[in-house]
Amino acid sequence: MAEIPYRFVTDSRVEELIANHADLEPGQETDHVVAIAGRLMLRRVQGKIAFATLDDGSGRIQLFAPAKTTPEFDKFCDLNLGDWVGLTGVVMTTRRGELSVRADSWVLLAEARRPFPDKWHGITDVDTRYRQRYVDLWVTPEARQTFLMRSRMMSLTRSFMEHRGFIEVETPIFHPIPGGANARPFTTHHNALDLDLYLRVAPELYLKRLTVAGFDKVFEIGRVFRNEGVSTRHNPEFTMLELYQAYADYDDIMNLVEELVEHLALELTGSTVLTVGDQELDVARPWRRATMIELIEESIGVTLSLDMSTEELRAVAAEHGVPFKDSFGPGKLILEIYEKTTESTLWGPVYVTEYPAEVSPLSREHRNKPGMTERFEAILAGRELCNAFSELVDPDQQRSRFEDQAAQNAGGDAEAMMVDEDYLRALEYGLPPTGGLGIGMDRLAMLLTGATSIRDVVLFPTLRPES
């Protein structure tokens, strides 16, 4: 094999060549000499002429290699599918009108030592697509388009937030105390400090510390880690957008969420109507707002209340096949009934509001309904997209909620929170009325791209080791 060069200077992208020479007549040769590079995706030899298809990630173009003028023509004909090639030549069209670059000079940039498929559509072993994403992205154009769209979604989201006066920050991924969400954390150990640490389950408590510090509009887009199972909607590490806005409540955050999703849908797809499976979902504002109690009644025809006894609520749960534990109070029982009987039936978009305080340790109590909180989740196509609330600002109430969570944790609930004394100290310096939000960006990408599995929008999803 010839020695591989250390660099190859390109001056053109395929998408530019296609756009700039769209009107070129068949059999026409230009005086435009270009240098391009990419993978060889197709190749065929017809006597003294070889044709190939080069993909540089922006598009595909034909390479035209006549034996008379192509250096080392025989070696060019022996190139493997998947080989990286750098090529310089004039832009032209064949007699059939195919836009091409003539191979006036070329160099092998990398050899594909494994067979490189020219097609991978309809493959039954989708696990291979996720494990070998470096191949999948070349041979499955839809996969590449999905991740290009995801990248643009992230950029548009940042611009949306900054346009509204939010600043982007970065908070720790290693936490001395897991908090900010009810989730089982991953644990690790720092040798130099001899300190057990947790990968963050949410950036919430640090972002609210910054609101205490005077950042009245703050957001972070980053990885969070939850030691939970995998499914079409769950990956142990995923991307979260969290934001906090001082002087706002959960109504303000509802307005923000639907503005963001509508904006992204229009920018990325040109419409507010998205296709999810074989159904359509219109994310145009305004979205419906309904309480959890109302939605349960619509679903199973039973009106629940925090005033009902645990025995009555357990009976409803049992009647509808909802499992429960003896430790569940009325609020937790209502939530379990909702999640098992109602949530997946909601097409939406709909804001599910008024969650019981028992299951909302960081939410502010509802201003008019004792025992309920000003919390909502947005449900789109039967999936939770985000969780948000008017933030709990009272340090005494927060301590009481933390202590209740810690008792549940000590009783065996690995997802319950612990008491965070430093966060309580921050609250004692004063947290103004604040609205907060967490959006799963992977699920948002699924919604906007029409993906049915989170693995289709995560470049390298968590998988079992290969046997």
Protein backbone atom coordinates (compact mmCIF):
# COMPACT_ATOMS: atom_id res chain seq x y z
CA MET A 1 0.00 0.00 0.00
CA ALA A 2 1.26 3.49 -0.84
CA GLU A 3 2.28 5.70 2.04
CA ILE A 4 -0.68 7.62 3.46
CA PRO A 5 -0.13 11.40 3.40
CA TYR A 6 -0.27 13.40 6.62
CA ARG A 7 -2.75 15.89 5.20
CA PHE A 8 -4.81 16.66 2.15
CA VAL A 9 -6.06 20.17 1.48
CA THR A 10 -9.61 20.39 0.14
CA ASP A 11 -11.19 23.52 -1.29
CA SER A 12 -14.74 22.36 -2.04
CA ARG A 13 -17.65 20.46 -0.54
CA VAL A 14 -19.88 18.24 -2.66
CA GLU A 15 -23.03 20.12 -1.68
CA GLU A 16 -21.41 23.32 -3.02
CA LEU A 17 -20.45 21.69 -6.31
CA ILE A 18 -23.97 20.37 -6.81
CA ALA A 19 -25.50 23.77 -6.04
CA ASN A 20 -23.07 25.75 -8.18
CA HIS A 21 -23.23 23.51 -11.28
CA ALA A 22 -26.89 22.52 -11.34
CA ASP A 23 -27.37 23.96 -14.85
CA LEU A 24 -24.36 22.33 -16.50
CA GLU A 25 -25.27 20.81 -19.87
CA PRO A 26 -24.52 17.12 -20.67
CA GLY A 27 -20.99 16.51 -21.98
CA GLN A 28 -19.72 19.87 -20.76
CA GLU A 29 -16.32 20.41 -19.17
CA THR A 30 -15.62 23.48 -17.04
CA ASP A 31 -12.34 25.18 -16.20
CA HIS A 32 -13.18 24.81 -12.49
CA VAL A 33 -10.51 22.64 -10.81
CA VAL A 34 -11.44 21.40 -7.34
CA ALA A 35 -9.87 19.36 -4.55
CA ILE A 36 -12.32 17.11 -2.69
CA ALA A 37 -12.04 14.19 -0.29
CA GLY A 38 -14.31 11.56 1.15
CA ARG A 39 -15.26 7.89 1.13
CA LEU A 40 -15.67 5.77 -1.97
CA MET A 41 -19.22 4.45 -1.76
CA LEU A 42 -19.69 2.88 -5.22
CA ARG A 43 -17.30 1.86 -8.00
CA ARG A 44 -17.68 0.32 -11.44
CA VAL A 45 -15.23 -0.20 -14.28
CA GLN A 46 -16.28 -0.17 -17.93
CA GLY A 47 -13.24 -1.02 -20.02
CA LYS A 48 -10.93 1.99 -20.07
CA ILE A 49 -13.19 4.16 -17.93
CA ALA A 50 -13.92 3.85 -14.21
CA PHE A 51 -16.75 5.52 -12.38
CA ALA A 52 -17.01 5.93 -8.62
CA THR A 53 -19.19 7.73 -6.11
CA LEU A 54 -17.51 9.92 -3.48
CA ASP A 55 -19.33 10.91 -0.28
CA ASP A 56 -17.79 13.73 1.78
CA GLY A 57 -20.56 13.90 4.38
CA SER A 58 -22.33 16.81 2.66
CA GLY A 59 -23.40 14.85 -0.40
CA ARG A 60 -22.36 12.42 -3.11
CA ILE A 61 -20.79 13.09 -6.49
CA GLN A 62 -19.53 10.91 -9.30
CA LEU A 63 -15.82 10.54 -10.00
CA PHE A 64 -14.93 10.11 -13.69
CA ALA A 65 -11.63 8.27 -14.27
CA PRO A 66 -10.55 7.63 -17.88
CA ALA A 67 -7.53 5.32 -18.22
CA LYS A 68 -5.83 7.76 -20.59
CA THR A 69 -5.49 10.58 -18.04
CA THR A 70 -6.01 9.00 -14.61
CA PRO A 71 -2.73 8.37 -12.77
CA GLU A 72 -2.30 4.75 -11.69
CA PHE A 73 -5.59 3.82 -13.31
CA ASP A 74 -5.35 0.12 -12.36
CA LYS A 75 -4.89 0.98 -8.67
CA PHE A 76 -7.84 3.34 -8.87
CA CYS A 77 -9.93 0.48 -10.21
CA ASP A 78 -8.80 -1.72 -7.30
CA LEU A 79 -9.94 0.69 -4.57
CA ASN A 80 -12.27 -0.82 -1.99
CA LEU A 81 -15.68 0.45 -1.04
CA GLY A 82 -15.20 2.61 2.02
CA ASP A 83 -11.65 3.73 1.15
CA TRP A 84 -10.95 7.41 1.84
CA VAL A 85 -9.72 9.22 -1.27
CA GLY A 86 -8.45 12.72 -1.95
CA LEU A 87 -8.94 13.83 -5.55
CA THR A 88 -8.19 16.87 -7.70
CA GLY A 89 -9.78 17.47 -11.07
CA VAL A 90 -12.09 19.54 -13.23
CA VAL A 91 -15.84 19.71 -12.72
CA MET A 92 -17.70 18.27 -15.72
CA THR A 93 -20.72 16.33 -16.83
CA THR A 94 -20.75 13.02 -18.64
CA ARG A 95 -22.60 12.57 -21.92
CA ARG A 96 -25.55 11.35 -19.85
CA GLY A 97 -25.53 14.60 -17.89
CA GLU A 98 -24.10 13.19 -14.63
CA LEU A 99 -22.25 15.88 -12.66
CA SER A 100 -18.73 14.56 -12.05
CA VAL A 101 -15.19 15.43 -11.04
CA ARG A 102 -12.52 14.05 -13.34
CA ALA A 103 -9.74 12.19 -11.55
CA ASP A 104 -6.79 14.25 -12.80
CA SER A 105 -4.89 13.27 -9.64
CA TRP A 106 -5.82 11.21 -6.62
CA VAL A 107 -4.38 9.77 -3.42
CA LEU A 108 -5.50 7.09 -1.00
CA LEU A 109 -6.11 8.70 2.43
CA ALA A 110 -7.25 5.66 4.42
CA GLU A 111 -7.88 2.03 3.62
CA ALA A 112 -11.12 0.32 4.63
CA ARG A 113 -9.82 -3.03 5.84
CA ARG A 114 -13.27 -4.32 6.68
CA PRO A 115 -15.91 -4.87 4.01
CA PHE A 116 -17.88 -1.68 3.62
CA PRO A 117 -21.51 -2.28 2.60
CA ASP A 118 -22.94 -0.18 -0.17
CA LYS A 119 -26.42 -0.60 1.32
CA TRP A 120 -27.66 -1.28 4.81
CA HIS A 121 -31.36 -0.56 4.51
CA GLY A 122 -33.68 -3.17 5.95
CA ILE A 123 -30.96 -4.79 8.04
CA THR A 124 -32.56 -7.01 10.67
CA ASP A 125 -29.79 -6.67 13.25
CA VAL A 126 -30.44 -3.07 14.34
CA ASP A 127 -28.11 -3.67 17.30
CA THR A 128 -25.25 -3.61 14.79
CA ARG A 129 -26.33 -0.17 13.59
CA TYR A 130 -26.07 1.20 17.14
CA ARG A 131 -22.76 -0.51 17.90
CA GLN A 132 -21.14 0.44 14.61
CA ARG A 133 -22.51 3.93 14.25
CA TYR A 134 -19.32 4.90 12.40
CA VAL A 135 -20.54 2.70 9.54
CA ASP A 136 -24.27 3.31 9.97
CA LEU A 137 -23.88 7.06 9.41
CA TRP A 138 -22.28 6.45 6.03
CA VAL A 139 -24.68 3.91 4.65
CA THR A 140 -27.95 5.07 6.23
CA PRO A 141 -28.68 8.61 5.00
CA GLU A 142 -31.70 8.87 7.31
CA ALA A 143 -29.47 8.33 10.35
CA ARG A 144 -27.07 11.04 9.25
CA GLN A 145 -29.99 13.43 8.65
CA THR A 146 -31.39 12.69 12.11
CA PHE A 147 -28.16 13.70 13.81
CA LEU A 148 -27.69 16.77 11.64
CA MET A 149 -31.21 17.81 12.67
CA ARG A 150 -30.41 17.13 16.32
CA SER A 151 -27.31 19.30 16.08
CA ARG A 152 -29.34 22.14 14.61
CA MET A 153 -32.01 21.65 17.29
CA MET A 154 -29.39 22.20 20.00
CA SER A 155 -28.06 25.31 18.28
CA LEU A 156 -31.56 26.74 17.79
CA THR A 157 -32.41 26.03 21.43
CA ARG A 158 -29.37 27.96 22.64
CA SER A 159 -30.23 30.88 20.37
CA PHE A 160 -33.84 30.81 21.59
CA MET A 161 -32.73 30.97 25.23
CA GLU A 162 -30.12 33.67 24.69
CA HIS A 163 -32.59 35.80 22.71
CA ARG A 164 -34.81 35.79 25.81
CA GLY A 165 -32.04 36.96 28.10
CA PHE A 166 -30.92 33.62 29.54
CA ILE A 167 -27.22 32.96 30.13
CA GLU A 168 -25.68 29.51 29.67
CA VAL A 169 -23.62 28.07 32.52
CA GLU A 170 -21.89 24.83 33.45
CA THR A 171 -22.37 23.19 36.84
CA PRO A 172 -20.64 20.16 38.39
CA ILE A 173 -21.20 16.65 37.11
CA PHE A 174 -19.69 15.14 40.27
CA HIS A 175 -22.06 15.75 43.20
CA PRO A 176 -21.25 15.06 46.86
CA ILE A 177 -24.99 14.52 47.47
CA PRO A 178 -27.37 13.25 44.76
CA GLY A 179 -30.32 15.58 44.30
CA GLY A 180 -32.56 17.48 41.94
CA ALA A 181 -34.62 14.47 40.86
CA ASN A 182 -35.97 11.20 42.19
CA ALA A 183 -33.54 8.79 40.52
CA ARG A 184 -30.96 6.17 41.46
CA PRO A 185 -27.48 7.70 40.97
CA PHE A 186 -24.23 6.23 39.71
CA THR A 187 -21.51 6.31 42.35
CA THR A 188 -17.77 6.80 42.05
CA HIS A 189 -14.81 7.63 44.29
CA HIS A 190 -12.22 10.39 44.19
CA ASN A 191 -8.94 8.95 45.44
CA ALA A 192 -7.04 12.15 46.27
CA LEU A 193 -9.87 13.47 48.47
CA ASP A 194 -10.94 9.97 49.57
CA LEU A 195 -14.46 11.09 48.75
CA ASP A 196 -17.49 9.21 47.44
CA LEU A 197 -19.19 11.15 44.67
CA TYR A 198 -22.27 10.75 42.50
CA LEU A 199 -22.75 11.45 38.81
CA ARG A 200 -25.45 14.08 38.70
CA VAL A 201 -29.04 13.01 38.20
CA ALA A 202 -29.96 16.66 37.53
CA PRO A 203 -28.23 20.06 37.64
CA GLU A 204 -31.23 21.62 39.41
CA LEU A 205 -29.88 22.43 42.85
CA TYR A 206 -26.72 24.08 41.53
CA LEU A 207 -28.65 26.16 39.01
CA LYS A 208 -30.98 27.40 41.76
CA ARG A 209 -27.91 28.33 43.82
CA LEU A 210 -27.04 30.60 40.89
CA THR A 211 -30.51 32.15 41.03
CA VAL A 212 -29.82 32.90 44.69
CA ALA A 213 -26.54 34.44 43.47
CA GLY A 214 -28.42 36.88 41.23
CA PHE A 215 -28.48 35.17 37.84
CA ASP A 216 -32.17 35.73 37.20
CA LYS A 217 -32.32 33.78 33.91
CA VAL A 218 -29.97 30.82 33.70
CA PHE A 219 -29.83 27.58 31.71
CA GLU A 220 -27.61 24.57 31.16
CA ILE A 221 -27.63 21.92 28.44
CA GLY A 222 -25.66 18.92 29.59
CA ARG A 223 -25.45 15.24 30.33
CA VAL A 224 -27.19 13.72 33.33
CA PHE A 225 -26.87 10.15 34.57
CA ARG A 226 -29.51 7.87 36.08
CA ASN A 227 -28.84 4.28 37.06
CA GLU A 228 -32.04 2.93 35.58
CA GLY A 229 -33.11 0.47 32.94
CA VAL A 230 -32.97 1.00 29.20
CA SER A 231 -35.98 1.22 26.93
CA THR A 232 -37.11 3.00 23.79
CA ARG A 233 -37.41 6.15 25.97
CA HIS A 234 -34.59 5.67 28.48
CA ASN A 235 -30.80 5.69 28.24
CA PRO A 236 -28.69 5.77 31.43
CA GLU A 237 -26.98 8.97 30.26
CA PHE A 238 -29.00 11.58 28.44
CA THR A 239 -29.07 15.28 27.65
CA MET A 240 -31.13 17.70 29.69
CA LEU A 241 -32.00 21.34 29.22
CA GLU A 242 -32.61 22.89 32.64
CA LEU A 243 -33.50 26.54 33.14
CA TYR A 244 -34.54 28.81 35.98
CA GLN A 245 -36.24 32.18 35.68
CA ALA A 246 -36.55 34.45 38.70
CA TYR A 247 -39.84 36.29 39.34
CA ALA A 248 -41.72 33.69 37.25
CA ASP A 249 -44.10 30.83 38.07
CA TYR A 250 -45.13 27.63 36.34
CA ASP A 251 -47.60 29.42 34.07
CA ASP A 252 -44.71 31.47 32.65
CA ILE A 253 -42.72 28.27 32.10
CA MET A 254 -45.65 26.64 30.27
CA ASN A 255 -45.69 29.58 27.87
CA LEU A 256 -41.94 29.24 27.36
CA VAL A 257 -42.06 25.50 26.62
CA GLU A 258 -44.76 25.71 23.97
CA GLU A 259 -43.02 28.69 22.36
CA LEU A 260 -39.76 26.73 22.19
CA VAL A 261 -41.27 23.53 20.76
CA GLU A 262 -43.38 25.41 18.21
CA HIS A 263 -40.31 27.44 17.17
CA LEU A 264 -38.14 24.34 16.74
CA ALA A 265 -40.81 22.50 14.77
CA LEU A 266 -41.21 25.39 12.34
CA GLU A 267 -37.47 25.92 11.93
CA LEU A 268 -36.59 22.25 11.50
CA THR A 269 -39.60 20.87 9.63
CA GLY A 270 -41.40 23.93 8.28
CA SER A 271 -44.63 22.97 10.05
CA THR A 272 -46.12 22.63 13.52
CA VAL A 273 -47.63 19.28 12.50
CA LEU A 274 -45.24 16.45 13.32
CA THR A 275 -45.55 12.79 12.35
CA VAL A 276 -45.20 10.37 15.25
CA GLY A 277 -45.55 6.76 14.14
CA ASP A 278 -48.57 6.73 11.87
CA GLN A 279 -50.27 9.68 13.59
CA GLU A 280 -49.94 13.44 13.47
CA LEU A 281 -49.30 15.77 16.39
CA ASP A 282 -49.84 19.53 16.09
CA VAL A 283 -47.57 21.42 18.50
CA ALA A 284 -48.96 24.86 17.62
CA ARG A 285 -49.74 27.05 20.62
CA PRO A 286 -51.66 27.16 22.89
CA TRP A 287 -51.48 23.68 24.44
CA ARG A 288 -54.21 22.22 26.60
CA ARG A 289 -53.82 22.51 30.39
CA ALA A 290 -55.55 19.96 32.61
CA THR A 291 -55.05 18.72 36.15
CA MET A 292 -53.91 15.20 36.90
CA ILE A 293 -57.21 14.55 38.71
CA GLU A 294 -59.22 15.69 35.67
CA LEU A 295 -57.24 13.50 33.27
CA ILE A 296 -57.57 10.41 35.47
CA GLU A 297 -61.34 10.93 35.57
CA GLU A 298 -61.45 11.24 31.76
CA SER A 299 -59.43 8.03 31.43
CA ILE A 300 -61.03 5.66 33.97
CA GLY A 301 -64.17 7.52 35.04
CA VAL A 302 -63.18 7.86 38.70
CA THR A 303 -62.74 11.14 40.56
CA LEU A 304 -59.80 10.91 42.96
CA SER A 305 -58.89 13.28 45.77
CA LEU A 306 -56.20 13.74 48.42
CA ASP A 307 -59.08 13.67 50.92
CA MET A 308 -59.74 10.01 50.10
CA SER A 309 -58.36 7.43 52.51
CA THR A 310 -55.41 5.27 51.51
CA GLU A 311 -57.75 2.28 51.63
CA GLU A 312 -60.08 3.85 49.07
CA LEU A 313 -57.17 4.78 46.79
CA ARG A 314 -55.63 1.32 47.11
CA ALA A 315 -58.95 -0.18 46.08
CA VAL A 316 -59.00 1.97 42.94
CA ALA A 317 -55.40 1.00 42.21
CA ALA A 318 -56.13 -2.69 42.66
CA GLU A 319 -59.23 -2.48 40.46
CA HIS A 320 -57.12 -1.11 37.62
CA GLY A 321 -54.14 -3.39 38.08
CA VAL A 322 -51.84 -0.70 39.50
CA PRO A 323 -49.20 -2.13 41.88
CA PHE A 324 -48.41 -0.21 45.07
CA LYS A 325 -46.42 -0.44 48.30
CA ASP A 326 -47.71 -0.13 51.84
CA SER A 327 -45.58 3.00 52.29
CA PHE A 328 -47.43 4.91 49.53
CA GLY A 329 -49.50 7.82 50.80
CA PRO A 330 -52.50 9.32 48.98
CA GLY A 331 -50.36 11.52 46.73
CA LYS A 332 -48.10 8.67 45.64
CA LEU A 333 -51.09 6.40 45.02
CA ILE A 334 -52.74 9.03 42.81
CA LEU A 335 -49.52 9.46 40.84
CA GLU A 336 -49.15 5.70 40.34
CA ILE A 337 -52.77 5.41 39.15
CA TYR A 338 -52.18 8.29 36.71
CA GLU A 339 -48.94 6.86 35.33
CA LYS A 340 -50.29 3.34 34.87
CA THR A 341 -53.76 4.16 33.50
CA THR A 342 -53.66 7.59 31.91
CA GLU A 343 -50.31 9.01 30.83
CA SER A 344 -49.71 6.74 27.82
CA THR A 345 -53.23 7.43 26.52
CA LEU A 346 -52.62 11.17 26.23
CA TRP A 347 -51.81 12.30 22.71
CA GLY A 348 -51.54 15.97 23.51
CA PRO A 349 -49.83 18.19 23.56
CA VAL A 350 -51.18 18.65 27.07
CA TYR A 351 -49.83 20.09 30.29
CA VAL A 352 -50.63 17.80 33.21
CA THR A 353 -50.80 20.11 36.23
CA GLU A 354 -51.20 19.96 40.01
CA TYR A 355 -49.02 17.10 41.23
CA PRO A 356 -49.33 16.00 44.87
CA ALA A 357 -46.73 17.49 47.22
CA GLU A 358 -45.84 13.98 48.41
CA VAL A 359 -44.21 13.25 45.03
CA SER A 360 -42.89 16.75 44.34
CA PRO A 361 -40.22 17.51 46.96
CA LEU A 362 -38.82 20.57 45.15
CA SER A 363 -42.12 22.13 44.02
CA ARG A 364 -43.93 25.01 45.66
CA GLU A 365 -47.31 24.22 47.20
CA HIS A 366 -50.29 25.27 45.09
CA ARG A 367 -51.47 28.74 46.07
CA ASN A 368 -55.12 27.60 46.23
CA LYS A 369 -55.08 23.83 46.74
CA PRO A 370 -53.40 22.48 49.88
CA GLY A 371 -51.52 19.24 49.35
CA MET A 372 -51.03 19.95 45.64
CA THR A 373 -48.10 21.72 44.00
CA GLU A 374 -47.65 24.11 41.11
CA ARG A 375 -45.97 21.47 38.99
CA PHE A 376 -46.59 20.29 35.45
CA GLU A 377 -45.35 17.77 32.95
CA ALA A 378 -45.86 18.19 29.22
CA ILE A 379 -47.11 15.03 27.51
CA LEU A 380 -46.76 14.70 23.75
CA ALA A 381 -47.68 11.49 21.92
CA GLY A 382 -48.00 9.62 25.21
CA ARG A 383 -44.48 10.55 26.34
CA GLU A 384 -43.30 12.89 29.07
CA LEU A 385 -41.26 15.68 27.50
CA CYS A 386 -40.51 17.88 30.48
CA ASN A 387 -41.01 18.45 34.18
CA ALA A 388 -41.40 21.93 35.63
CA PHE A 389 -42.75 23.89 38.57
CA SER A 390 -42.96 27.00 40.62
CA GLU A 391 -39.89 26.39 42.76
CA LEU A 392 -40.08 25.78 46.49
CA VAL A 393 -38.38 28.82 48.04
CA ASP A 394 -39.03 28.33 51.76
CA PRO A 395 -35.97 26.74 53.46
CA ASP A 396 -38.03 25.33 56.34
CA GLN A 397 -40.47 23.59 54.01
CA GLN A 398 -37.56 22.39 51.88
CA ARG A 399 -35.83 20.91 54.94
CA SER A 400 -39.03 19.09 55.90
CA ARG A 401 -39.38 17.70 52.36
CA PHE A 402 -35.72 16.64 52.29
CA GLU A 403 -36.03 14.89 55.63
CA ASP A 404 -39.10 13.02 54.43
CA GLN A 405 -37.17 11.99 51.29
CA ALA A 406 -34.18 10.91 53.39
CA ALA A 407 -36.45 8.71 55.50
CA GLN A 408 -37.74 7.05 52.33
CA ASN A 409 -34.15 6.58 51.14
CA ALA A 410 -33.18 4.99 54.45
CA GLY A 411 -36.22 2.73 54.09
CA GLY A 412 -34.89 1.31 50.84
CA ASP A 413 -36.07 3.78 48.16
CA ALA A 414 -32.84 4.26 46.21
CA GLU A 415 -34.44 7.01 44.10
CA ALA A 416 -35.38 9.24 47.04
CA MET A 417 -33.28 12.33 47.75
CA MET A 418 -31.03 13.13 50.69
CA VAL A 419 -30.72 16.25 52.85
CA ASP A 420 -28.50 18.81 51.12
CA GLU A 421 -27.38 21.18 53.87
CA ASP A 422 -25.50 23.52 51.55
CA TYR A 423 -28.55 23.96 49.33
CA LEU A 424 -30.65 24.70 52.41
CA ARG A 425 -28.07 27.28 53.46
CA ALA A 426 -28.34 28.88 50.01
CA LEU A 427 -32.13 29.07 50.38
CA GLU A 428 -31.65 30.84 53.72
CA TYR A 429 -29.96 33.66 51.80
CA GLY A 430 -33.20 34.03 49.83
CA LEU A 431 -34.49 32.49 46.60
CA PRO A 432 -36.99 34.83 44.90
CA PRO A 433 -40.15 33.46 43.27
CA THR A 434 -38.75 31.26 40.50
CA GLY A 435 -40.01 29.03 37.70
CA GLY A 436 -37.89 26.05 36.73
CA LEU A 437 -37.87 23.53 33.90
CA GLY A 438 -36.14 20.34 32.79
CA ILE A 439 -36.57 19.10 29.20
CA GLY A 440 -35.20 15.78 27.95
CA MET A 441 -33.48 16.88 24.75
CA ASP A 442 -33.24 13.31 23.45
CA ARG A 443 -37.01 12.94 23.66
CA LEU A 444 -37.44 16.33 22.02
CA ALA A 445 -35.17 15.13 19.20
CA MET A 446 -37.28 11.96 18.90
CA LEU A 447 -40.39 14.08 18.58
CA LEU A 448 -38.96 16.42 15.94
CA THR A 449 -37.31 13.70 13.83
CA GLY A 450 -40.08 11.12 14.14
CA ALA A 451 -37.74 8.57 15.78
CA THR A 452 -39.42 5.76 17.70
CA SER A 453 -36.43 4.86 19.92
CA ILE A 454 -34.09 7.05 21.93
CA ARG A 455 -31.22 5.00 20.45
CA ASP A 456 -31.99 6.55 17.07
CA VAL A 457 -31.17 10.05 18.39
CA VAL A 458 -28.21 9.17 20.64
CA LEU A 459 -25.01 8.69 18.68
CA PHE A 460 -23.55 6.04 20.99
CA PRO A 461 -26.31 4.58 23.20
CA THR A 462 -25.52 2.38 26.19
CA LEU A 463 -25.54 -1.28 25.16
CA ARG A 464 -24.65 -4.62 26.69
CA PRO A 465 -21.05 -5.66 25.94
CA GLU A 466 -20.64 -7.79 22.84
CA SER A 467 -20.26 -11.46 23.64
